[in-house]
Each structure stands twice: as structure tokens, then as C-alpha cells.
Amino acid sequence: MPVSPKKFAIAAAGAAVLATVVAAQPAAAAGTAQMAFYSGAYGTGTETIIDLDLSGQCHDLDTPAHSAINLSDATVEVYLDTDCRPGVPGTPRDDLYFVLQAHYSGVFAYPALSYRVRV
């Protein structure tokens, strides 16, 4: 049975629209606001996605992080010691910690061991 060029064009256009919608699904899901720490520099290595709803509480990381990407509207304090203690471990009277603003990424000079989402 022959297919008219017009019907073929309509079917091809419908298939193209369907393919575009299916391809856009993962991109839409990837666009959700999140914050993640990485065991390697520049977003490499093991990824740890944090719960941004737990603001004001200190959380120790299971894996030391060397970088982070903040794709959310939240601000996150990043500490180089456990229990959100400021300072470089082993350095007395040091108050160093990082503040990772919304929509920024960072590479840490020392491994990050804990964090707190600001209220």
C-alpha cells in the first residue's frame, strides 16, 4: 500500500516531536536544585548529594570531599574538620572554613569533612 508524501511527513514530524520529548526528560530531571560534594577535584570521583532541607544542622561527610557544586539557592558552610569545627585540622586557633554560595562550585585546598546548610 503506497503512503502519500503528506501522511509520511505528518508521521515523521510526530516521531520527531516524541523523540524530542523523550530526550528532554533526563535534562529536566538533571535541572533540579541540588548540592553535591565530590571526592575528587572539579566534580570528579564519588558524588555525595546532600539534603538541603536539613538546614542549621551539622553533618559529617562519609567520604572526604575535594570539590563541590551548588546548583541550589541555598548557602552551605563547608568545614575541613568533623562536627563543623572551623580550622585546618592540627592548626591551633585557626578559624578557616568555606562558604559555598548558591549556584557556585568550589575546589578545596584541604579535604572537606563536614557541612552545614545556612538557615
N, C-alpha and C. Protein backbone atom coordinates (compact mmCIF):
# COMPACT_ATOMS: atom_id res chain seq x y z
N MET A 1 0.84 -1.16 0.00
CA MET A 1 0.00 0.00 0.00
C MET A 1 0.90 1.23 0.00
N PRO A 2 0.76 2.10 -0.99
CA PRO A 2 1.59 3.29 -1.06
C PRO A 2 1.17 4.32 0.00
N VAL A 3 2.16 5.05 0.51
CA VAL A 3 1.91 6.09 1.51
C VAL A 3 2.12 7.43 0.84
N SER A 4 1.16 8.33 1.04
CA SER A 4 1.29 9.65 0.41
C SER A 4 2.39 10.45 1.11
N PRO A 5 3.06 11.33 0.37
CA PRO A 5 4.12 12.14 0.95
C PRO A 5 3.62 12.98 2.13
N LYS A 6 2.36 13.45 2.06
CA LYS A 6 1.82 14.28 3.13
C LYS A 6 1.68 13.46 4.42
N LYS A 7 1.13 12.25 4.32
CA LYS A 7 0.96 11.40 5.51
C LYS A 7 2.33 11.00 6.08
N PHE A 8 3.28 10.75 5.20
CA PHE A 8 4.62 10.40 5.67
C PHE A 8 5.25 11.57 6.43
N ALA A 9 5.07 12.80 5.92
CA ALA A 9 5.63 13.99 6.57
C ALA A 9 4.99 14.20 7.94
N ILE A 10 3.69 13.98 8.04
CA ILE A 10 3.00 14.13 9.33
C ILE A 10 3.50 13.08 10.33
N ALA A 11 3.64 11.84 9.88
CA ALA A 11 4.13 10.78 10.75
C ALA A 11 5.57 11.05 11.20
N ALA A 12 6.40 11.52 10.28
CA ALA A 12 7.79 11.83 10.62
C ALA A 12 7.87 12.98 11.62
N ALA A 13 7.02 13.99 11.44
CA ALA A 13 7.00 15.12 12.37
C ALA A 13 6.56 14.67 13.76
N GLY A 14 5.56 13.80 13.81
CA GLY A 14 5.10 13.27 15.10
C GLY A 14 6.18 12.47 15.80
N ALA A 15 6.91 11.66 15.05
CA ALA A 15 8.00 10.88 15.63
C ALA A 15 9.11 11.80 16.14
N ALA A 16 9.39 12.87 15.42
CA ALA A 16 10.42 13.82 15.84
C ALA A 16 10.03 14.52 17.14
N VAL A 17 8.75 14.90 17.26
CA VAL A 17 8.28 15.53 18.49
C VAL A 17 8.39 14.56 19.66
N LEU A 18 7.98 13.32 19.46
CA LEU A 18 8.06 12.31 20.51
C LEU A 18 9.52 12.09 20.94
N ALA A 19 10.41 12.01 19.98
CA ALA A 19 11.83 11.81 20.30
C ALA A 19 12.38 13.00 21.09
N THR A 20 11.95 14.21 20.75
CA THR A 20 12.40 15.40 21.46
C THR A 20 11.91 15.40 22.90
N VAL A 21 10.65 15.03 23.11
CA VAL A 21 10.08 14.98 24.46
C VAL A 21 10.81 13.94 25.30
N VAL A 22 11.04 12.76 24.75
CA VAL A 22 11.73 11.70 25.48
C VAL A 22 13.16 12.12 25.82
N ALA A 23 13.85 12.76 24.89
CA ALA A 23 15.23 13.19 25.12
C ALA A 23 15.29 14.30 26.17
N ALA A 24 14.25 15.11 26.28
CA ALA A 24 14.26 16.22 27.23
C ALA A 24 14.00 15.76 28.66
N GLN A 25 13.44 14.58 28.86
CA GLN A 25 13.11 14.11 30.21
C GLN A 25 14.33 14.07 31.13
N PRO A 26 15.45 13.43 30.76
CA PRO A 26 16.60 13.42 31.67
C PRO A 26 17.16 14.82 31.91
N ALA A 27 17.13 15.68 30.92
CA ALA A 27 17.64 17.03 31.09
C ALA A 27 16.80 17.79 32.10
N ALA A 28 15.50 17.60 32.08
CA ALA A 28 14.64 18.27 33.05
C ALA A 28 14.92 17.76 34.45
N ALA A 29 15.11 16.47 34.59
CA ALA A 29 15.39 15.89 35.91
C ALA A 29 16.74 16.37 36.42
N ALA A 30 17.70 16.52 35.54
CA ALA A 30 19.03 16.97 35.95
C ALA A 30 19.01 18.43 36.39
N GLY A 31 17.98 19.18 36.02
CA GLY A 31 17.90 20.58 36.35
C GLY A 31 17.36 20.86 37.74
N THR A 32 17.04 19.84 38.52
CA THR A 32 16.52 20.07 39.86
C THR A 32 17.62 20.65 40.74
N ALA A 33 17.22 21.53 41.65
CA ALA A 33 18.19 22.18 42.52
C ALA A 33 18.81 21.17 43.47
N GLN A 34 20.13 21.14 43.50
CA GLN A 34 20.82 20.22 44.40
C GLN A 34 22.21 20.75 44.71
N MET A 35 22.79 20.14 45.71
CA MET A 35 24.16 20.44 46.12
C MET A 35 24.86 19.11 46.27
N ALA A 36 26.06 18.99 45.71
CA ALA A 36 26.79 17.73 45.78
C ALA A 36 28.26 17.97 46.09
N PHE A 37 28.81 17.08 46.91
CA PHE A 37 30.24 17.04 47.18
C PHE A 37 30.85 15.92 46.34
N TYR A 38 32.13 16.07 45.99
CA TYR A 38 32.84 15.08 45.18
C TYR A 38 34.17 14.74 45.84
N SER A 39 34.52 13.46 45.79
CA SER A 39 35.77 13.02 46.41
C SER A 39 37.01 13.49 45.64
N GLY A 40 36.84 13.84 44.38
CA GLY A 40 37.94 14.34 43.57
C GLY A 40 37.78 15.82 43.26
N ALA A 41 38.80 16.41 42.69
CA ALA A 41 38.75 17.82 42.31
C ALA A 41 37.86 18.01 41.08
N TYR A 42 37.26 19.19 40.98
CA TYR A 42 36.48 19.60 39.81
C TYR A 42 35.32 18.66 39.50
N GLY A 43 34.62 18.22 40.53
CA GLY A 43 33.42 17.40 40.32
C GLY A 43 33.69 15.99 39.85
N THR A 44 34.83 15.43 40.20
CA THR A 44 35.15 14.06 39.82
C THR A 44 35.10 13.16 41.04
N GLY A 45 35.11 11.87 40.81
CA GLY A 45 35.12 10.92 41.92
C GLY A 45 33.73 10.61 42.42
N THR A 46 33.65 10.13 43.65
CA THR A 46 32.39 9.75 44.26
C THR A 46 31.55 10.98 44.57
N GLU A 47 30.27 10.94 44.18
CA GLU A 47 29.35 12.04 44.40
C GLU A 47 28.52 11.79 45.65
N THR A 48 28.38 12.82 46.49
CA THR A 48 27.52 12.78 47.67
C THR A 48 26.55 13.94 47.57
N ILE A 49 25.28 13.65 47.30
CA ILE A 49 24.25 14.68 47.22
C ILE A 49 23.71 14.91 48.63
N ILE A 50 23.63 16.17 49.03
CA ILE A 50 23.19 16.47 50.40
C ILE A 50 21.73 16.88 50.42
N ASP A 51 21.11 16.74 51.58
CA ASP A 51 19.72 17.11 51.80
C ASP A 51 19.68 18.57 52.22
N LEU A 52 19.21 19.44 51.34
CA LEU A 52 19.19 20.87 51.62
C LEU A 52 18.09 21.26 52.60
N ASP A 53 17.16 20.36 52.88
CA ASP A 53 16.07 20.65 53.82
C ASP A 53 16.54 20.59 55.27
N LEU A 54 17.70 20.02 55.53
CA LEU A 54 18.21 19.89 56.89
C LEU A 54 19.11 21.08 57.22
N SER A 55 18.54 22.28 57.21
CA SER A 55 19.34 23.48 57.43
C SER A 55 19.60 23.71 58.92
N GLY A 56 20.73 24.34 59.19
CA GLY A 56 21.10 24.67 60.54
C GLY A 56 21.74 23.54 61.32
N GLN A 57 21.81 22.35 60.75
CA GLN A 57 22.39 21.19 61.43
C GLN A 57 23.74 20.84 60.80
N CYS A 58 24.66 20.40 61.63
CA CYS A 58 25.96 19.97 61.12
C CYS A 58 25.88 18.52 60.67
N HIS A 59 26.53 18.23 59.55
CA HIS A 59 26.56 16.87 59.00
C HIS A 59 27.99 16.53 58.61
N ASP A 60 28.48 15.40 59.10
CA ASP A 60 29.79 14.91 58.68
C ASP A 60 29.64 14.14 57.37
N LEU A 61 30.60 14.30 56.48
CA LEU A 61 30.60 13.59 55.21
C LEU A 61 31.18 12.19 55.40
N ASP A 62 30.58 11.20 54.76
CA ASP A 62 31.10 9.83 54.82
C ASP A 62 32.43 9.71 54.09
N THR A 63 32.56 10.47 53.00
CA THR A 63 33.77 10.47 52.18
C THR A 63 34.34 11.89 52.14
N PRO A 64 35.60 12.10 52.46
CA PRO A 64 36.17 13.45 52.36
C PRO A 64 35.99 14.00 50.94
N ALA A 65 35.66 15.29 50.87
CA ALA A 65 35.38 15.92 49.58
C ALA A 65 36.48 16.90 49.21
N HIS A 66 36.83 16.89 47.92
CA HIS A 66 37.83 17.83 47.41
C HIS A 66 37.21 18.89 46.51
N SER A 67 35.90 18.74 46.21
CA SER A 67 35.20 19.76 45.43
C SER A 67 33.70 19.64 45.69
N ALA A 68 32.97 20.68 45.26
CA ALA A 68 31.52 20.69 45.43
C ALA A 68 30.89 21.56 44.36
N ILE A 69 29.64 21.25 44.05
CA ILE A 69 28.86 22.05 43.10
C ILE A 69 27.52 22.33 43.76
N ASN A 70 27.17 23.61 43.85
CA ASN A 70 25.92 24.03 44.48
C ASN A 70 24.99 24.59 43.41
N LEU A 71 24.03 23.80 42.99
CA LEU A 71 23.07 24.22 41.97
C LEU A 71 21.75 24.64 42.60
N SER A 72 21.79 25.02 43.86
CA SER A 72 20.57 25.38 44.59
C SER A 72 20.60 26.87 44.94
N ASP A 73 19.56 27.31 45.64
CA ASP A 73 19.51 28.68 46.14
C ASP A 73 20.04 28.78 47.56
N ALA A 74 20.50 27.67 48.12
CA ALA A 74 20.99 27.64 49.50
C ALA A 74 22.47 28.01 49.57
N THR A 75 22.87 28.49 50.74
CA THR A 75 24.27 28.74 51.04
C THR A 75 24.74 27.66 52.00
N VAL A 76 25.91 27.09 51.74
CA VAL A 76 26.40 25.96 52.53
C VAL A 76 27.78 26.30 53.10
N GLU A 77 27.91 26.11 54.42
CA GLU A 77 29.21 26.26 55.08
C GLU A 77 29.94 24.93 54.98
N VAL A 78 31.19 24.96 54.55
CA VAL A 78 31.99 23.75 54.35
C VAL A 78 33.18 23.79 55.31
N TYR A 79 33.33 22.72 56.10
CA TYR A 79 34.36 22.66 57.13
C TYR A 79 35.40 21.59 56.81
N LEU A 80 36.63 21.86 57.23
CA LEU A 80 37.75 20.96 56.97
C LEU A 80 37.99 19.99 58.13
N ASP A 81 37.09 20.02 59.10
CA ASP A 81 37.16 19.13 60.25
C ASP A 81 35.76 18.57 60.49
N THR A 82 35.66 17.53 61.26
CA THR A 82 34.35 16.94 61.58
C THR A 82 33.61 17.84 62.57
N ASP A 83 32.32 17.59 62.70
CA ASP A 83 31.45 18.32 63.64
C ASP A 83 31.43 19.82 63.38
N CYS A 84 31.67 20.23 62.15
CA CYS A 84 31.64 21.64 61.73
C CYS A 84 32.55 22.52 62.58
N ARG A 85 33.69 21.97 62.94
CA ARG A 85 34.69 22.76 63.66
C ARG A 85 35.51 23.54 62.64
N PRO A 86 35.60 24.87 62.80
CA PRO A 86 36.40 25.64 61.86
C PRO A 86 37.88 25.36 62.05
N GLY A 87 38.63 25.63 61.01
CA GLY A 87 40.08 25.50 61.07
C GLY A 87 40.60 24.29 60.33
N VAL A 88 41.87 24.36 60.01
CA VAL A 88 42.56 23.25 59.38
C VAL A 88 42.95 22.28 60.50
N PRO A 89 42.63 20.99 60.38
CA PRO A 89 42.98 20.05 61.44
C PRO A 89 44.46 20.12 61.79
N GLY A 90 44.75 20.16 63.08
CA GLY A 90 46.13 20.22 63.54
C GLY A 90 46.70 21.62 63.64
N THR A 91 45.91 22.63 63.29
CA THR A 91 46.37 24.01 63.37
C THR A 91 45.63 24.70 64.51
N PRO A 92 46.34 25.11 65.57
CA PRO A 92 45.65 25.73 66.70
C PRO A 92 45.12 27.13 66.36
N ARG A 93 44.01 27.46 66.96
CA ARG A 93 43.38 28.79 66.85
C ARG A 93 43.17 29.22 65.41
N ASP A 94 42.77 28.34 64.58
CA ASP A 94 42.50 28.65 63.18
C ASP A 94 40.99 28.65 62.99
N ASP A 95 40.45 29.62 62.28
CA ASP A 95 39.00 29.69 62.11
C ASP A 95 38.57 29.54 60.64
N LEU A 96 39.38 28.86 59.85
CA LEU A 96 39.10 28.72 58.42
C LEU A 96 37.94 27.76 58.16
N TYR A 97 37.02 28.19 57.31
CA TYR A 97 36.00 27.34 56.70
C TYR A 97 35.56 28.04 55.42
N PHE A 98 34.86 27.34 54.57
CA PHE A 98 34.43 27.90 53.28
C PHE A 98 32.93 28.14 53.30
N VAL A 99 32.51 29.14 52.55
CA VAL A 99 31.08 29.38 52.34
C VAL A 99 30.83 29.21 50.85
N LEU A 100 30.03 28.22 50.51
CA LEU A 100 29.71 27.96 49.11
C LEU A 100 28.34 28.57 48.82
N GLN A 101 28.37 29.68 48.10
CA GLN A 101 27.14 30.41 47.79
C GLN A 101 26.28 29.64 46.79
N ALA A 102 25.05 30.08 46.65
CA ALA A 102 24.13 29.49 45.69
C ALA A 102 24.69 29.61 44.28
N HIS A 103 24.57 28.54 43.52
CA HIS A 103 24.95 28.49 42.10
C HIS A 103 26.45 28.68 41.87
N TYR A 104 27.25 28.21 42.81
CA TYR A 104 28.70 28.26 42.68
C TYR A 104 29.28 26.86 42.87
N SER A 105 30.53 26.71 42.45
CA SER A 105 31.25 25.46 42.70
C SER A 105 32.57 25.81 43.36
N GLY A 106 33.20 24.82 43.95
CA GLY A 106 34.46 25.08 44.61
C GLY A 106 35.36 23.87 44.63
N VAL A 107 36.66 24.13 44.65
CA VAL A 107 37.67 23.10 44.83
C VAL A 107 38.40 23.47 46.11
N PHE A 108 38.52 22.51 47.04
CA PHE A 108 39.05 22.79 48.36
C PHE A 108 40.54 22.44 48.45
N ALA A 109 41.29 23.31 49.11
CA ALA A 109 42.73 23.08 49.30
C ALA A 109 42.99 21.90 50.24
N TYR A 110 42.06 21.69 51.16
CA TYR A 110 42.11 20.56 52.10
C TYR A 110 40.80 19.80 51.97
N PRO A 111 40.77 18.53 52.30
CA PRO A 111 39.52 17.77 52.20
C PRO A 111 38.45 18.32 53.14
N ALA A 112 37.25 18.48 52.61
CA ALA A 112 36.11 18.90 53.43
C ALA A 112 35.56 17.67 54.15
N LEU A 113 35.27 17.82 55.44
CA LEU A 113 34.82 16.69 56.25
C LEU A 113 33.41 16.87 56.81
N SER A 114 32.90 18.11 56.82
CA SER A 114 31.55 18.34 57.32
C SER A 114 30.97 19.60 56.68
N TYR A 115 29.65 19.79 56.85
CA TYR A 115 28.98 20.94 56.25
C TYR A 115 27.74 21.30 57.06
N ARG A 116 27.25 22.53 56.83
CA ARG A 116 26.01 23.00 57.42
C ARG A 116 25.30 23.87 56.39
N VAL A 117 24.03 23.59 56.14
CA VAL A 117 23.22 24.43 55.26
C VAL A 117 22.75 25.61 56.09
N ARG A 118 23.02 26.82 55.63
CA ARG A 118 22.60 28.01 56.38
C ARG A 118 21.08 28.15 56.33
N VAL A 119 20.55 28.67 57.44
CA VAL A 119 19.10 28.88 57.56
C VAL A 119 18.72 30.11 56.79
